[in-house]
Amino acid sequence: MAEISVAMAASHAPGLTGWFDKAPEADQRTVLAAYAEIHAALVESRTDVLLVIANDHIANGLVSDYADFTFGMAERHTGPDEWFKPWLRVPDYELPGRPDVAEVLYESVKDRAPRVRAVRENLRYDDNLSVPVTMADIVSTGVAVVPVLQNCTVPPVPGERVCYALGETLGEAIRTRLPAGLRVGLLGSGGLSHEPGGPRYMEIDEKFDRWWMDLLVEGDHEKVLADATFERMEEAGSGGTAELLSWMVVMGAIGPRPCEALGYAAVDQWRCGFGAVRWDLS
């Protein structure tokens, strides 16, 4: 029986790497400290494989034939994709994959959620994987990665309850179908409030962000599902805030429990609210 070793989530805005220095120093310290805790948690938890659940920015499929969940099956995951390098400004990276783990998890959920795919070649990664890999220095940990990219933008988007249910299936598969002794970490990558390219592109809904973080700290998942709907996320920033659905997948996998907020920052120049949490698995 494998074990979920750690469960975390954090924002991945390109501003965190591409124009990090535009923020006040206090906000920069908040982000650096939060991602340093994520790095330390990966090491201290002795995680073998990290599932990174993040949204796909329509980089790995056509809108007319778009998967809701895509499992990255490659032996090695490399990035960032060439097209995104000029504005992400992160170094190239290469991470070991775990196709065997990805295969088991894909087979476990492919019939339990809409439009689930597996891709065996390297996917195109932008800030969804590149920012957490860079900011948390995941390469140096030696942890293998299984990316799970999800649809948060192309209608019909799988909503909060679909994502939570997929997380429940993933959690069950980790605990019952993976090799005994394997330690599997979970990282939700995305959010908080932002509206990329929209009329509120330079605005952050700080009230929503703090409300969301407080909800998660309380640990009442049914309340989160009832109140933090896809529609409510869209109100806080269309086309971007719903990246928080990746956090819902993590929550489903671990079940109702409180978490610790690792930090919050609202920097308009980053075009996205920043937040990070770690759930209590004790």
Protein backbone atom coordinates (compact mmCIF):
# COMPACT_ATOMS: atom_id res chain seq x y z
CA MET A 1 0.00 0.00 0.00
CA ALA A 2 1.43 3.37 -1.04
CA GLU A 3 1.01 6.47 1.10
CA ILE A 4 0.20 10.11 0.42
CA SER A 5 3.25 11.74 1.94
CA VAL A 6 2.44 15.44 1.57
CA ALA A 7 -0.34 17.60 0.10
CA MET A 8 0.16 21.23 -0.90
CA ALA A 9 -1.02 23.87 -3.36
CA ALA A 10 0.36 27.16 -4.64
CA SER A 11 -0.15 29.82 -7.29
CA HIS A 12 1.95 29.60 -10.45
CA ALA A 13 1.57 33.03 -12.06
CA PRO A 14 4.23 33.89 -14.68
CA GLY A 15 4.81 37.16 -12.84
CA LEU A 16 6.44 35.15 -10.06
CA THR A 17 9.39 34.50 -12.35
CA GLY A 18 9.06 36.84 -15.32
CA TRP A 19 8.66 40.08 -13.41
CA PHE A 20 9.19 39.06 -9.79
CA ASP A 21 11.16 42.21 -8.95
CA LYS A 22 8.18 44.47 -9.70
CA ALA A 23 6.68 43.56 -6.31
CA PRO A 24 7.52 45.16 -2.97
CA GLU A 25 10.27 43.31 -1.11
CA ALA A 26 7.85 42.15 1.61
CA ASP A 27 5.70 40.36 -0.98
CA GLN A 28 8.76 38.86 -2.62
CA ARG A 29 9.81 37.46 0.77
CA THR A 30 6.33 35.98 1.26
CA VAL A 31 6.52 34.05 -2.01
CA LEU A 32 10.09 32.90 -1.48
CA ALA A 33 9.30 31.70 2.04
CA ALA A 34 6.19 29.81 0.90
CA TYR A 35 7.99 28.01 -1.90
CA ALA A 36 10.94 27.30 0.41
CA GLU A 37 8.48 25.52 2.72
CA ILE A 38 7.18 23.50 -0.22
CA HIS A 39 10.73 22.46 -1.05
CA ALA A 40 11.46 21.54 2.57
CA ALA A 41 8.19 19.59 2.84
CA LEU A 42 9.10 17.47 -0.20
CA VAL A 43 12.46 16.62 1.32
CA GLU A 44 11.27 16.05 4.88
CA SER A 45 8.32 13.89 3.77
CA ARG A 46 10.69 11.60 1.81
CA THR A 47 8.41 11.86 -1.20
CA ASP A 48 9.26 9.51 -4.06
CA VAL A 49 6.77 10.73 -6.68
CA LEU A 50 5.03 14.10 -6.90
CA LEU A 51 1.73 14.50 -8.74
CA VAL A 52 1.53 18.08 -9.99
CA ILE A 53 -2.09 18.89 -10.82
CA ALA A 54 -2.22 22.07 -12.89
CA ASN A 55 -4.28 23.66 -15.61
CA ASP A 56 -3.39 23.45 -19.27
CA HIS A 57 -3.44 26.84 -21.03
CA ILE A 58 -4.72 25.25 -24.26
CA ALA A 59 -1.11 24.38 -25.15
CA ASN A 60 -1.58 20.63 -25.46
CA GLY A 61 -4.73 20.25 -27.49
CA LEU A 62 -7.15 21.84 -29.91
CA VAL A 63 -10.18 23.63 -28.49
CA SER A 64 -12.34 21.43 -30.73
CA ASP A 65 -10.84 18.26 -29.22
CA TYR A 66 -9.72 19.22 -25.73
CA ALA A 67 -9.07 16.80 -22.88
CA ASP A 68 -10.31 17.61 -19.40
CA PHE A 69 -7.49 15.70 -17.71
CA THR A 70 -4.16 14.76 -19.32
CA PHE A 71 -1.69 12.44 -17.62
CA GLY A 72 1.94 13.00 -18.57
CA MET A 73 3.52 9.56 -19.13
CA ALA A 74 6.98 10.60 -20.34
CA GLU A 75 10.17 9.08 -18.94
CA ARG A 76 11.55 12.62 -18.58
CA HIS A 77 9.68 15.93 -18.35
CA THR A 78 11.52 18.92 -19.79
CA GLY A 79 10.64 22.58 -19.95
CA PRO A 80 9.76 25.27 -20.29
CA ASP A 81 8.39 25.03 -23.80
CA GLU A 82 10.32 27.29 -26.19
CA TRP A 83 7.34 29.54 -26.91
CA PHE A 84 6.98 30.51 -23.24
CA LYS A 85 10.63 31.12 -22.41
CA PRO A 86 10.80 34.88 -23.16
CA TRP A 87 8.18 35.82 -20.59
CA LEU A 88 8.70 33.10 -17.99
CA ARG A 89 12.46 33.70 -17.75
CA VAL A 90 13.21 30.46 -15.96
CA PRO A 91 16.15 28.11 -16.57
CA ASP A 92 15.63 24.92 -18.55
CA TYR A 93 14.83 21.93 -16.37
CA GLU A 94 14.54 18.17 -16.67
CA LEU A 95 12.62 15.98 -14.22
CA PRO A 96 12.42 12.21 -13.99
CA GLY A 97 8.97 10.83 -14.74
CA ARG A 98 7.28 7.72 -13.40
CA PRO A 99 5.36 6.23 -16.33
CA ASP A 100 4.53 3.16 -14.24
CA VAL A 101 2.80 5.27 -11.59
CA ALA A 102 1.14 7.47 -14.20
CA GLU A 103 -0.21 4.40 -15.99
CA VAL A 104 -1.81 2.96 -12.86
CA LEU A 105 -3.42 6.27 -11.93
CA TYR A 106 -4.61 6.95 -15.47
CA GLU A 107 -6.22 3.51 -15.71
CA SER A 108 -7.89 4.12 -12.34
CA VAL A 109 -9.62 7.35 -13.35
CA LYS A 110 -10.05 7.21 -17.13
CA ASP A 111 -13.61 5.94 -16.92
CA ARG A 112 -14.54 7.96 -13.85
CA ALA A 113 -14.24 11.47 -15.29
CA PRO A 114 -14.95 13.17 -18.64
CA ARG A 115 -12.33 13.22 -21.40
CA VAL A 116 -9.27 11.74 -19.71
CA ARG A 117 -6.14 11.21 -21.81
CA ALA A 118 -2.62 9.87 -21.43
CA VAL A 119 0.27 11.39 -23.40
CA ARG A 120 3.56 9.50 -23.59
CA GLU A 121 5.66 12.22 -25.21
CA ASN A 122 6.80 15.33 -23.38
CA LEU A 123 4.01 17.86 -22.90
CA ARG A 124 4.33 21.61 -23.50
CA TYR A 125 4.83 23.23 -20.11
CA ASP A 126 4.38 26.92 -19.39
CA ASP A 127 3.98 28.44 -15.92
CA ASN A 128 1.77 25.53 -14.83
CA LEU A 129 4.79 23.29 -14.14
CA SER A 130 7.70 25.65 -14.75
CA VAL A 131 6.96 28.11 -11.94
CA PRO A 132 6.62 25.59 -9.08
CA VAL A 133 9.59 23.58 -10.40
CA THR A 134 11.71 26.73 -10.40
CA MET A 135 10.46 28.45 -7.25
CA ALA A 136 10.47 25.27 -5.13
CA ASP A 137 13.71 23.98 -6.71
CA ILE A 138 12.11 20.60 -7.31
CA VAL A 139 14.93 19.41 -9.57
CA SER A 140 17.40 19.36 -6.67
CA THR A 141 15.13 17.11 -4.60
CA GLY A 142 15.43 14.26 -7.09
CA VAL A 143 11.69 13.60 -6.77
CA ALA A 144 10.03 12.05 -9.83
CA VAL A 145 7.05 13.94 -11.24
CA VAL A 146 3.74 12.89 -12.78
CA PRO A 147 2.01 15.95 -14.31
CA VAL A 148 -1.79 15.93 -14.53
CA LEU A 149 -2.96 18.84 -16.66
CA GLN A 150 -6.63 19.80 -16.51
CA ASN A 151 -9.12 21.90 -18.40
CA CYS A 152 -10.18 25.03 -16.52
CA THR A 153 -11.19 27.19 -19.49
CA VAL A 154 -12.84 25.35 -22.41
CA PRO A 155 -16.59 24.75 -21.90
CA PRO A 156 -17.92 22.54 -20.55
CA VAL A 157 -15.35 22.78 -17.75
CA PRO A 158 -15.46 19.92 -15.21
CA GLY A 159 -16.64 21.75 -12.10
CA GLU A 160 -15.66 21.61 -8.47
CA ARG A 161 -17.50 18.38 -7.63
CA VAL A 162 -16.17 16.54 -10.69
CA CYS A 163 -12.62 17.60 -9.77
CA TYR A 164 -13.08 16.66 -6.14
CA ALA A 165 -14.49 13.25 -7.13
CA LEU A 166 -11.55 12.66 -9.48
CA GLY A 167 -9.27 13.46 -6.55
CA GLU A 168 -11.10 10.89 -4.41
CA THR A 169 -10.50 8.24 -7.09
CA LEU A 170 -6.83 9.24 -7.35
CA GLY A 171 -6.41 9.03 -3.59
CA GLU A 172 -7.98 5.58 -3.47
CA ALA A 173 -5.77 4.40 -6.35
CA ILE A 174 -2.64 5.69 -4.64
CA ARG A 175 -3.51 3.88 -1.42
CA THR A 176 -4.62 0.59 -2.95
CA ARG A 177 -3.04 0.12 -6.39
CA LEU A 178 0.50 1.47 -6.13
CA PRO A 179 3.44 -0.48 -4.67
CA ALA A 180 3.75 -0.77 -0.90
CA GLY A 181 6.10 1.76 0.63
CA LEU A 182 5.87 4.26 -2.24
CA ARG A 183 5.47 7.81 -0.94
CA VAL A 184 3.35 9.99 -3.24
CA GLY A 185 3.09 13.76 -2.86
CA LEU A 186 0.38 16.04 -4.24
CA LEU A 187 0.78 19.62 -5.44
CA GLY A 188 -2.09 21.69 -6.82
CA SER A 189 -0.68 24.40 -9.08
CA GLY A 190 -2.80 27.41 -10.05
CA GLY A 191 -4.84 30.43 -8.95
CA LEU A 192 -5.55 32.66 -7.13
CA SER A 193 -7.77 35.40 -8.56
CA HIS A 194 -6.79 36.69 -12.00
CA GLU A 195 -8.35 37.40 -15.38
CA PRO A 196 -5.71 36.88 -18.09
CA GLY A 197 -6.29 39.15 -21.07
CA GLY A 198 -9.69 40.29 -19.78
CA PRO A 199 -10.95 43.72 -18.66
CA ARG A 200 -9.74 42.96 -15.11
CA TYR A 201 -6.29 41.85 -16.26
CA MET A 202 -4.54 44.21 -13.82
CA GLU A 203 -6.93 43.59 -10.92
CA ILE A 204 -6.76 41.10 -8.06
CA ASP A 205 -9.86 40.18 -6.07
CA GLU A 206 -8.17 40.19 -2.67
CA LYS A 207 -11.48 39.74 -0.85
CA PHE A 208 -12.13 36.50 -2.74
CA ASP A 209 -8.58 35.27 -2.26
CA ARG A 210 -8.63 35.74 1.51
CA TRP A 211 -12.10 34.19 1.74
CA TRP A 212 -10.87 31.14 -0.21
CA MET A 213 -7.76 30.74 1.94
CA ASP A 214 -9.81 31.03 5.14
CA LEU A 215 -12.24 28.37 3.86
CA LEU A 216 -9.40 25.93 3.26
CA VAL A 217 -7.83 26.57 6.66
CA GLU A 218 -11.15 25.66 8.30
CA GLY A 219 -11.06 22.28 6.58
CA ASP A 220 -14.80 21.86 5.86
CA HIS A 221 -14.68 20.46 2.33
CA GLU A 222 -18.45 20.28 1.91
CA LYS A 223 -18.62 24.01 2.63
CA VAL A 224 -15.86 24.64 0.11
CA LEU A 225 -17.71 22.63 -2.54
CA ALA A 226 -21.01 24.38 -1.79
CA ASP A 227 -19.65 27.92 -1.75
CA ALA A 228 -16.49 27.99 -3.91
CA THR A 229 -18.16 26.96 -7.14
CA PHE A 230 -16.76 27.33 -10.63
CA GLU A 231 -19.21 30.20 -11.15
CA ARG A 232 -17.94 31.96 -8.01
CA MET A 233 -14.37 31.57 -9.22
CA GLU A 234 -15.30 33.08 -12.58
CA GLU A 235 -16.77 36.10 -10.79
CA ALA A 236 -13.40 36.69 -9.15
CA GLY A 237 -11.58 36.60 -12.48
CA SER A 238 -12.79 34.91 -15.65
CA GLY A 239 -10.53 32.42 -17.38
CA GLY A 240 -7.97 32.32 -14.58
CA THR A 241 -9.31 31.95 -11.06
CA ALA A 242 -10.80 28.55 -11.89
CA GLU A 243 -7.26 27.16 -11.87
CA LEU A 244 -8.14 26.60 -8.22
CA LEU A 245 -9.96 23.50 -9.40
CA SER A 246 -6.53 21.84 -9.26
CA TRP A 247 -6.56 22.45 -5.50
CA MET A 248 -9.95 20.69 -5.42
CA VAL A 249 -8.37 17.56 -6.90
CA VAL A 250 -5.82 17.49 -4.09
CA MET A 251 -8.55 18.02 -1.51
CA GLY A 252 -10.54 15.10 -2.86
CA ALA A 253 -7.52 12.82 -2.64
CA ILE A 254 -6.87 13.54 1.04
CA GLY A 255 -10.42 14.08 2.34
CA PRO A 256 -11.70 16.77 4.74
CA ARG A 257 -8.96 18.21 6.91
CA PRO A 258 -7.60 21.65 7.79
CA CYS A 259 -4.52 23.18 6.25
CA GLU A 260 -1.89 25.76 7.05
CA ALA A 261 -1.67 28.92 4.97
CA LEU A 262 1.95 29.42 3.89
CA GLY A 263 1.45 32.99 2.76
CA TYR A 264 -0.60 35.40 0.68
CA ALA A 265 0.33 38.38 -1.49
CA ALA A 266 -1.71 40.64 -3.77
CA VAL A 267 0.56 42.34 -6.30
CA ASP A 268 -1.20 43.95 -9.24
CA GLN A 269 1.98 43.89 -11.32
CA TRP A 270 1.97 40.06 -11.11
CA ARG A 271 -1.60 40.05 -12.55
CA CYS A 272 -2.52 37.30 -10.08
CA GLY A 273 -3.09 36.81 -6.38
CA PHE A 274 -0.51 34.54 -4.77
CA GLY A 275 -1.31 31.96 -2.14
CA ALA A 276 0.07 28.67 -0.88
CA VAL A 277 -1.14 26.05 1.61
CA ARG A 278 -0.10 22.73 3.12
CA TRP A 279 -2.70 20.28 4.42
CA ASP A 280 -2.31 18.51 7.74
CA LEU A 281 -1.98 14.79 7.03
CA SER A 282 -1.23 13.76 10.62
